[in-house]
C-alpha atoms as a PDB file:
ATOM      1  CA  VAL A   1     -28.700   7.533   4.777  1.00  0.00           C
ATOM      2  CA  SER A   2     -26.090  10.152   3.437  1.00  0.00           C
ATOM      3  CA  ALA A   3     -23.232   8.153   4.982  1.00  0.00           C
ATOM      4  CA  ASP A   4     -24.164   5.165   2.669  1.00  0.00           C
ATOM      5  CA  ARG A   5     -23.646   7.402  -0.310  1.00  0.00           C
ATOM      6  CA  LEU A   6     -20.071   8.602   0.651  1.00  0.00           C
ATOM      7  CA  VAL A   7     -17.610   5.979  -0.416  1.00  0.00           C
ATOM      8  CA  PHE A   8     -13.869   5.571  -0.344  1.00  0.00           C
ATOM      9  CA  ALA A   9     -11.187   3.080  -1.260  1.00  0.00           C
ATOM     10  CA  THR A  10      -8.746   1.739   1.414  1.00  0.00           C
ATOM     11  CA  ASN A  11      -6.264  -1.049   2.013  1.00  0.00           C
ATOM     12  CA  LEU A  12      -6.348  -0.999   5.827  1.00  0.00           C
ATOM     13  CA  PRO A  13      -8.371  -3.437   7.785  1.00  0.00           C
ATOM     14  CA  HIS A  14     -11.239  -1.851   9.874  1.00  0.00           C
ATOM     15  CA  TRP A  15      -9.532  -0.235  12.929  1.00  0.00           C
ATOM     16  CA  ALA A  16     -12.420  -0.748  15.171  1.00  0.00           C
ATOM     17  CA  ASP A  17     -13.505  -4.332  14.546  1.00  0.00           C
ATOM     18  CA  GLY A  18     -13.568  -6.032  17.854  1.00  0.00           C
ATOM     19  CA  LYS A  19     -14.019  -9.460  15.926  1.00  0.00           C
ATOM     20  CA  THR A  20     -11.195  -9.083  13.299  1.00  0.00           C
ATOM     21  CA  GLU A  21      -9.278 -11.623  11.682  1.00  0.00           C
ATOM     22  CA  SER A  22      -6.623  -9.272  11.112  1.00  0.00           C
ATOM     23  CA  GLU A  23      -3.417  -9.784  13.205  1.00  0.00           C
ATOM     24  CA  THR A  24      -2.540  -6.056  12.538  1.00  0.00           C
ATOM     25  CA  VAL A  25      -5.681  -5.088  14.090  1.00  0.00           C
ATOM     26  CA  ARG A  26      -5.493  -7.559  16.990  1.00  0.00           C
ATOM     27  CA  LYS A  27      -1.884  -5.891  17.721  1.00  0.00           C
ATOM     28  CA  PHE A  28      -3.195  -2.473  17.460  1.00  0.00           C
ATOM     29  CA  HIS A  29      -6.060  -3.177  19.755  1.00  0.00           C
ATOM     30  CA  ALA A  30      -3.657  -4.492  22.265  1.00  0.00           C
ATOM     31  CA  ALA A  31      -1.395  -1.508  21.962  1.00  0.00           C
ATOM     32  CA  VAL A  32      -4.122   0.994  21.960  1.00  0.00           C
ATOM     33  CA  LYS A  33      -6.509   0.146  24.874  1.00  0.00           C
ATOM     34  CA  ASP A  34      -8.652   3.400  24.653  1.00  0.00           C
ATOM     35  CA  GLU A  35     -11.489   2.705  21.958  1.00  0.00           C
ATOM     36  CA  LYS A  36     -11.679   6.353  21.140  1.00  0.00           C
ATOM     37  CA  LYS A  37      -7.997   6.505  20.061  1.00  0.00           C
ATOM     38  CA  ARG A  38      -8.573   3.721  17.601  1.00  0.00           C
ATOM     39  CA  THR A  39      -8.937   5.615  14.409  1.00  0.00           C
ATOM     40  CA  PRO A  40      -7.802   5.257  10.752  1.00  0.00           C
ATOM     41  CA  LEU A  41      -5.021   7.722  11.500  1.00  0.00           C
ATOM     42  CA  SER A  42      -3.733   5.937  14.376  1.00  0.00           C
ATOM     43  CA  LEU A  43      -3.935   2.580  12.801  1.00  0.00           C
ATOM     44  CA  ARG A  44      -1.844   4.019   9.952  1.00  0.00           C
ATOM     45  CA  ALA A  45       0.740   5.244  12.060  1.00  0.00           C
ATOM     46  CA  PHE A  46       0.709   2.005  13.922  1.00  0.00           C
ATOM     47  CA  THR A  47       1.214   0.109  10.727  1.00  0.00           C
ATOM     48  CA  GLY A  48       4.040   2.453   9.733  1.00  0.00           C
ATOM     49  CA  ILE A  49       5.836   2.248  12.806  1.00  0.00           C
ATOM     50  CA  GLN A  50       5.606  -1.871  12.823  1.00  0.00           C
ATOM     51  CA  LEU A  51       6.920  -1.718   9.271  1.00  0.00           C
ATOM     52  CA  LEU A  52       9.755   0.480  10.143  1.00  0.00           C
ATOM     53  CA  GLU A  53      10.629  -1.545  13.244  1.00  0.00           C
ATOM     54  CA  THR A  54      11.057  -4.707  11.253  1.00  0.00           C
ATOM     55  CA  THR A  55      12.923  -3.019   8.388  1.00  0.00           C
ATOM     56  CA  VAL A  56      15.231  -1.286  10.754  1.00  0.00           C
ATOM     57  CA  SER A  57      16.084  -4.488  12.649  1.00  0.00           C
ATOM     58  CA  ARG A  58      17.344  -6.083   9.251  1.00  0.00           C
ATOM     59  CA  LEU A  59      19.441  -3.269   8.167  1.00  0.00           C
ATOM     60  CA  PRO A  60      23.307  -3.432   8.576  1.00  0.00           C
ATOM     61  CA  ALA A  61      23.179   0.495   9.192  1.00  0.00           C
ATOM     62  CA  VAL A  62      20.305   2.857   9.563  1.00  0.00           C
ATOM     63  CA  ASN A  63      20.453   5.501   6.889  1.00  0.00           C
ATOM     64  CA  ALA A  64      18.497   6.460   3.777  1.00  0.00           C
ATOM     65  CA  ASP A  65      20.510   4.431   1.233  1.00  0.00           C
ATOM     66  CA  GLU A  66      20.065   1.363   3.126  1.00  0.00           C
ATOM     67  CA  LEU A  67      16.327   1.862   3.891  1.00  0.00           C
ATOM     68  CA  ASP A  68      15.888   2.648   0.070  1.00  0.00           C
ATOM     69  CA  GLU A  69      17.836  -0.424  -0.952  1.00  0.00           C
ATOM     70  CA  TYR A  70      15.878  -2.701   1.492  1.00  0.00           C
ATOM     71  CA  PHE A  71      12.602  -1.918   0.092  1.00  0.00           C
ATOM     72  CA  TYR A  72      13.640  -2.111  -3.600  1.00  0.00           C
ATOM     73  CA  ASN A  73      15.795  -5.214  -3.102  1.00  0.00           C
ATOM     74  CA  ASN A  74      13.037  -6.985  -1.283  1.00  0.00           C
ATOM     75  CA  VAL A  75      10.384  -6.289  -3.711  1.00  0.00           C
ATOM     76  CA  VAL A  76       7.489  -7.152  -1.581  1.00  0.00           C
ATOM     77  CA  VAL A  77       7.610  -6.465   2.106  1.00  0.00           C
ATOM     78  CA  THR A  78       4.999  -7.911   4.487  1.00  0.00           C
ATOM     79  CA  GLU A  79       4.188  -7.323   8.119  1.00  0.00           C
ATOM     80  CA  ASP A  80       1.506  -9.508   9.630  1.00  0.00           C
ATOM     81  CA  ASP A  81      -1.235  -9.274   7.173  1.00  0.00           C
ATOM     82  CA  MET A  82      -0.349  -5.983   5.720  1.00  0.00           C
ATOM     83  CA  VAL A  83       1.612  -6.114   2.365  1.00  0.00           C
ATOM     84  CA  TYR A  84       3.859  -3.274   1.062  1.00  0.00           C
ATOM     85  CA  GLY A  85       5.226  -3.304  -2.684  1.00  0.00           C
ATOM     86  CA  SER A  86       5.808  -4.478  -5.128  1.00  0.00           C
ATOM     87  CA  PHE A  87       8.849  -2.319  -5.792  1.00  0.00           C
ATOM     88  CA  ALA A  88      11.373  -2.054  -8.844  1.00  0.00           C
ATOM     89  CA  ASP A  89      14.604  -0.244  -8.453  1.00  0.00           C
ATOM     90  CA  GLY A  90      14.928   1.505 -11.827  1.00  0.00           C
ATOM     91  CA  SER A  91      18.623   0.895 -12.182  1.00  0.00           C
ATOM     92  CA  GLU A  92      18.296   0.016 -15.801  1.00  0.00           C
ATOM     93  CA  CYS A  93      15.808   2.837 -16.556  1.00  0.00           C
ATOM     94  CA  VAL A  94      18.319   4.650 -18.863  1.00  0.00           C
ATOM     95  CA  GLN A  95      20.529   2.649 -21.221  1.00  0.00           C
ATOM     96  CA  HIS A  96      22.713   4.160 -23.842  1.00  0.00           C
ATOM     97  CA  GLY A  97      20.624   7.408 -23.611  1.00  0.00           C
ATOM     98  CA  MET A  98      17.290   5.735 -24.063  1.00  0.00           C
ATOM     99  CA  VAL A  99      14.761   5.694 -21.387  1.00  0.00           C
ATOM    100  CA  ASP A 100      12.790   2.305 -21.047  1.00  0.00           C
ATOM    101  CA  THR A 101       9.931   3.044 -18.793  1.00  0.00           C
ATOM    102  CA  THR A 102       9.409  -0.683 -18.244  1.00  0.00           C
ATOM    103  CA  LYS A 103      12.747  -0.662 -16.237  1.00  0.00           C
ATOM    104  CA  CYS A 104      12.308   2.642 -14.336  1.00  0.00           C
ATOM    105  CA  ALA A 105      11.708   2.828 -10.423  1.00  0.00           C
ATOM    106  CA  VAL A 106       8.329   1.986  -9.549  1.00  0.00           C
ATOM    107  CA  ASN A 107       6.146   1.235  -6.583  1.00  0.00           C
ATOM    108  CA  TYR A 108       2.883  -0.271  -7.241  1.00  0.00           C
ATOM    109  CA  GLY A 109       1.259   0.936  -4.127  1.00  0.00           C
ATOM    110  CA  ALA A 110      -1.414  -0.583  -2.044  1.00  0.00           C
ATOM    111  CA  THR A 111      -2.787  -4.099  -2.347  1.00  0.00           C
ATOM    112  CA  HIS A 112      -5.958  -5.623  -1.182  1.00  0.00           C
ATOM    113  CA  ILE A 113      -7.952  -2.200  -1.882  1.00  0.00           C
ATOM    114  CA  SER A 114     -11.656  -2.598  -0.950  1.00  0.00           C
ATOM    115  CA  VAL A 115     -14.416  -0.060  -1.338  1.00  0.00           C
ATOM    116  CA  TRP A 116     -16.238   1.076   1.875  1.00  0.00           C
ATOM    117  CA  SER A 117     -19.246   3.351   2.597  1.00  0.00           C
ATOM    118  CA  MET A 118     -18.734   5.923   5.257  1.00  0.00           C
ATOM    119  CA  SER A 119     -21.405   3.827   7.068  1.00  0.00           C
ATOM    120  CA  ARG A 120     -19.015   0.949   7.271  1.00  0.00           C
ATOM    121  CA  ALA A 121     -16.214   3.284   8.524  1.00  0.00           C
ATOM    122  CA  LEU A 122     -18.648   4.165  11.382  1.00  0.00           C
ATOM    123  CA  ASP A 123     -19.855   0.569  11.878  1.00  0.00           C
ATOM    124  CA  PRO A 124     -17.428  -2.500  11.237  1.00  0.00           C
ATOM    125  CA  THR A 125     -20.315  -4.932  11.203  1.00  0.00           C
ATOM    126  CA  LEU A 126     -21.526  -3.507   7.772  1.00  0.00           C
ATOM    127  CA  PRO A 127     -20.080  -5.015   4.808  1.00  0.00           C
ATOM    128  CA  GLU A 128     -17.541  -3.711   2.235  1.00  0.00           C
ATOM    129  CA  LEU A 129     -19.185  -2.330  -0.958  1.00  0.00           C
ATOM    130  CA  PHE A 130     -16.656  -4.240  -2.989  1.00  0.00           C
ATOM    131  CA  PRO A 131     -14.101  -6.824  -1.845  1.00  0.00           C
ATOM    132  CA  PRO A 132     -10.311  -6.432  -1.567  1.00  0.00           C
ATOM    133  CA  VAL A 133      -8.604  -6.532  -4.957  1.00  0.00           C
ATOM    134  CA  ASN A 134      -4.992  -6.004  -6.333  1.00  0.00           C
ATOM    135  CA  PRO A 135      -5.469  -3.541  -9.188  1.00  0.00           C
ATOM    136  CA  SER A 136      -3.074  -4.049 -12.136  1.00  0.00           C
ATOM    137  CA  MET A 137      -1.388  -0.809 -12.793  1.00  0.00           C
ATOM    138  CA  GLU A 138       0.974  -0.024 -15.722  1.00  0.00           C
ATOM    139  CA  TYR A 139       2.622   3.371 -16.359  1.00  0.00           C
ATOM    140  CA  VAL A 140       2.335   4.906 -19.748  1.00  0.00           C
ATOM    141  CA  GLU A 141       3.615   8.209 -20.759  1.00  0.00           C
ATOM    142  CA  PRO A 142       0.559  10.587 -20.762  1.00  0.00           C
ATOM    143  CA  SER A 143       1.629  12.457 -23.901  1.00  0.00           C
ATOM    144  CA  ASN A 144       1.681   9.066 -25.903  1.00  0.00           C
ATOM    145  CA  ASP A 145      -2.177   8.709 -25.761  1.00  0.00           C
ATOM    146  CA  GLY A 146      -1.815   5.470 -23.925  1.00  0.00           C
ATOM    147  CA  LEU A 147       0.899   3.961 -26.018  1.00  0.00           C
ATOM    148  CA  THR A 148       4.246   2.939 -24.602  1.00  0.00           C
ATOM    149  CA  LEU A 149       7.517   3.930 -26.164  1.00  0.00           C
ATOM    150  CA  LEU A 150       7.974   0.528 -27.786  1.00  0.00           C
ATOM    151  CA  GLN A 151       4.391   0.697 -29.173  1.00  0.00           C
ATOM    152  CA  LEU A 152       4.939   3.993 -30.816  1.00  0.00           C
ATOM    153  CA  ILE A 153       8.120   2.834 -32.381  1.00  0.00           C
ATOM    154  CA  GLY A 154       6.182  -0.114 -33.765  1.00  0.00           C
ATOM    155  CA  VAL A 155       3.633   2.144 -35.386  1.00  0.00           C
END
Protein backbone atom coordinates (compact mmCIF):
# COMPACT_ATOMS: atom_id res chain seq x y z
CA VAL A 1 0.00 0.00 0.00
CA SER A 2 1.41 3.40 -0.95
CA ALA A 3 0.36 4.89 2.41
CA ASP A 4 2.81 2.48 4.06
CA ARG A 5 5.71 3.93 2.06
CA LEU A 6 5.08 7.58 2.94
CA VAL A 7 6.72 8.18 6.31
CA PHE A 8 7.22 11.23 8.51
CA ALA A 9 8.47 12.18 11.96
CA THR A 10 6.23 13.70 14.60
CA ASN A 11 6.27 14.49 18.30
CA LEU A 12 2.48 14.70 18.54
CA PRO A 13 0.41 11.89 20.00
CA HIS A 14 -2.22 10.49 17.62
CA TRP A 15 -5.07 12.99 17.42
CA ALA A 16 -7.75 10.39 16.63
CA ASP A 17 -6.79 7.59 19.05
CA GLY A 18 -9.91 6.79 21.07
CA LYS A 19 -7.89 4.58 23.44
CA THR A 20 -5.06 7.03 24.00
CA GLU A 21 -2.90 7.19 27.08
CA SER A 22 -2.12 10.83 26.28
CA GLU A 23 -3.67 13.35 28.67
CA THR A 24 -3.29 15.98 25.95
CA VAL A 25 -5.36 13.95 23.48
CA ARG A 26 -7.99 13.19 26.15
CA LYS A 27 -8.41 16.94 26.75
CA PHE A 28 -8.40 17.53 22.99
CA HIS A 29 -11.20 14.98 22.49
CA ALA A 30 -13.20 16.55 25.34
CA ALA A 31 -12.85 19.97 23.71
CA VAL A 32 -13.39 18.83 20.10
CA LYS A 33 -16.48 16.63 20.06
CA ASP A 34 -16.77 16.40 16.26
CA GLU A 35 -14.39 13.61 15.18
CA LYS A 36 -14.10 15.13 11.68
CA LYS A 37 -12.46 18.19 13.24
CA ARG A 38 -9.82 16.11 15.05
CA THR A 39 -6.84 16.65 12.77
CA PRO A 40 -3.09 17.05 13.26
CA LEU A 41 -3.38 20.81 12.69
CA SER A 42 -6.23 21.23 15.16
CA LEU A 43 -4.30 19.21 17.77
CA ARG A 44 -1.22 21.36 17.15
CA ALA A 45 -3.30 24.51 17.61
CA PHE A 46 -4.89 23.04 20.74
CA THR A 47 -1.51 22.21 22.31
CA GLY A 48 -0.16 25.64 21.41
CA ILE A 49 -3.09 27.39 23.07
CA GLN A 50 -2.79 25.15 26.15
CA LEU A 51 0.88 26.07 26.43
CA LEU A 52 0.12 29.79 26.06
CA GLU A 53 -2.69 29.68 28.63
CA THR A 54 -0.40 28.04 31.17
CA THR A 55 2.51 30.35 30.38
CA VAL A 56 0.50 33.59 30.44
CA SER A 57 -1.02 32.67 33.80
CA ARG A 58 2.50 32.59 35.27
CA LEU A 59 3.74 35.90 33.83
CA PRO A 60 3.80 39.11 35.90
CA ALA A 61 2.87 41.02 32.71
CA VAL A 62 2.02 39.83 29.21
CA ASN A 63 4.54 41.12 26.69
CA ALA A 64 7.21 39.75 24.37
CA ASP A 65 10.07 40.22 26.85
CA GLU A 66 8.29 38.39 29.68
CA LEU A 67 7.28 35.55 27.34
CA ASP A 68 10.83 35.22 26.00
CA GLU A 69 12.28 35.30 29.49
CA TYR A 70 9.80 32.70 30.75
CA PHE A 71 10.79 30.11 28.15
CA TYR A 72 14.52 30.68 28.43
CA ASN A 73 14.51 30.80 32.26
CA ASN A 74 12.43 27.65 32.62
CA VAL A 75 14.63 25.59 30.26
CA VAL A 76 11.99 22.84 29.88
CA VAL A 77 8.26 23.55 29.94
CA THR A 78 5.73 20.75 30.23
CA GLU A 79 1.99 20.81 29.68
CA ASP A 80 0.38 17.46 30.49
CA ASP A 81 2.38 14.94 28.44
CA MET A 82 3.86 17.48 26.01
CA VAL A 83 7.42 18.70 26.63
CA TYR A 84 8.76 21.97 25.20
CA GLY A 85 12.45 22.81 25.28
CA SER A 86 15.12 22.63 26.31
CA PHE A 87 16.08 26.23 25.86
CA ALA A 88 19.25 28.19 26.63
CA ASP A 89 19.20 31.98 26.74
CA GLY A 90 22.51 32.83 25.07
CA SER A 91 23.32 35.71 27.42
CA GLU A 92 26.99 34.67 27.44
CA CYS A 93 27.24 34.00 23.69
CA VAL A 94 29.71 36.81 22.98
CA GLN A 95 32.36 37.64 25.54
CA HIS A 96 35.31 39.95 24.91
CA GLY A 97 34.46 40.00 21.20
CA MET A 98 34.67 36.20 20.86
CA VAL A 99 31.67 34.03 19.99
CA ASP A 100 31.30 30.86 22.05
CA THR A 101 28.66 28.82 20.21
CA THR A 102 28.22 26.56 23.25
CA LYS A 103 26.74 29.53 25.11
CA CYS A 104 24.55 30.95 22.33
CA ALA A 105 20.75 30.89 22.44
CA VAL A 106 19.35 27.54 21.42
CA ASN A 107 16.05 25.71 21.33
CA TYR A 108 16.63 22.02 20.94
CA GLY A 109 13.12 21.60 19.62
CA ALA A 110 10.79 18.66 19.81
CA THR A 111 11.26 15.68 22.08
CA HIS A 112 9.73 12.22 21.91
CA ILE A 113 9.96 12.14 18.11
CA SER A 114 8.59 8.99 16.50
CA VAL A 115 8.36 7.87 12.87
CA TRP A 116 4.96 7.00 11.43
CA SER A 117 3.68 5.80 8.10
CA MET A 118 0.79 7.61 6.47
CA SER A 119 -1.19 4.43 7.15
CA ARG A 120 -0.77 5.04 10.91
CA ALA A 121 -1.84 8.65 10.48
CA LEU A 122 -5.07 7.35 8.95
CA ASP A 123 -5.49 4.47 11.44
CA PRO A 124 -4.33 5.00 15.05
CA THR A 125 -4.45 1.25 15.75
CA LEU A 126 -1.39 0.70 13.52
CA PRO A 127 2.00 0.81 15.28
CA GLU A 128 4.67 3.46 14.90
CA LEU A 129 7.54 2.56 12.60
CA PHE A 130 10.05 3.82 15.16
CA PRO A 131 9.28 4.55 18.83
CA PRO A 132 9.65 8.03 20.37
CA VAL A 133 13.23 9.20 20.95
CA ASN A 134 14.95 12.41 21.96
CA PRO A 135 17.64 13.02 19.36
CA SER A 136 20.85 14.59 20.59
CA MET A 137 21.57 17.74 18.64
CA GLU A 138 24.66 19.87 18.73
CA TYR A 139 25.14 23.04 16.73
CA VAL A 140 28.35 23.30 14.72
CA GLU A 141 29.40 25.97 12.27
CA PRO A 142 28.77 24.58 8.76
CA SER A 143 31.96 26.17 7.41
CA ASN A 144 34.08 24.32 9.97
CA ASP A 145 33.45 20.91 8.40
CA GLY A 146 31.91 19.64 11.63
CA LEU A 147 34.53 20.98 14.05
CA THR A 148 33.66 23.45 16.79
CA LEU A 149 35.63 26.68 17.20
CA LEU A 150 37.53 25.25 20.18
CA GLN A 151 38.39 22.09 18.21
CA LEU A 152 39.70 24.21 15.33
CA ILE A 153 41.83 26.28 17.68
CA GLY A 154 43.26 23.04 19.08
CA VAL A 155 44.20 21.85 15.58
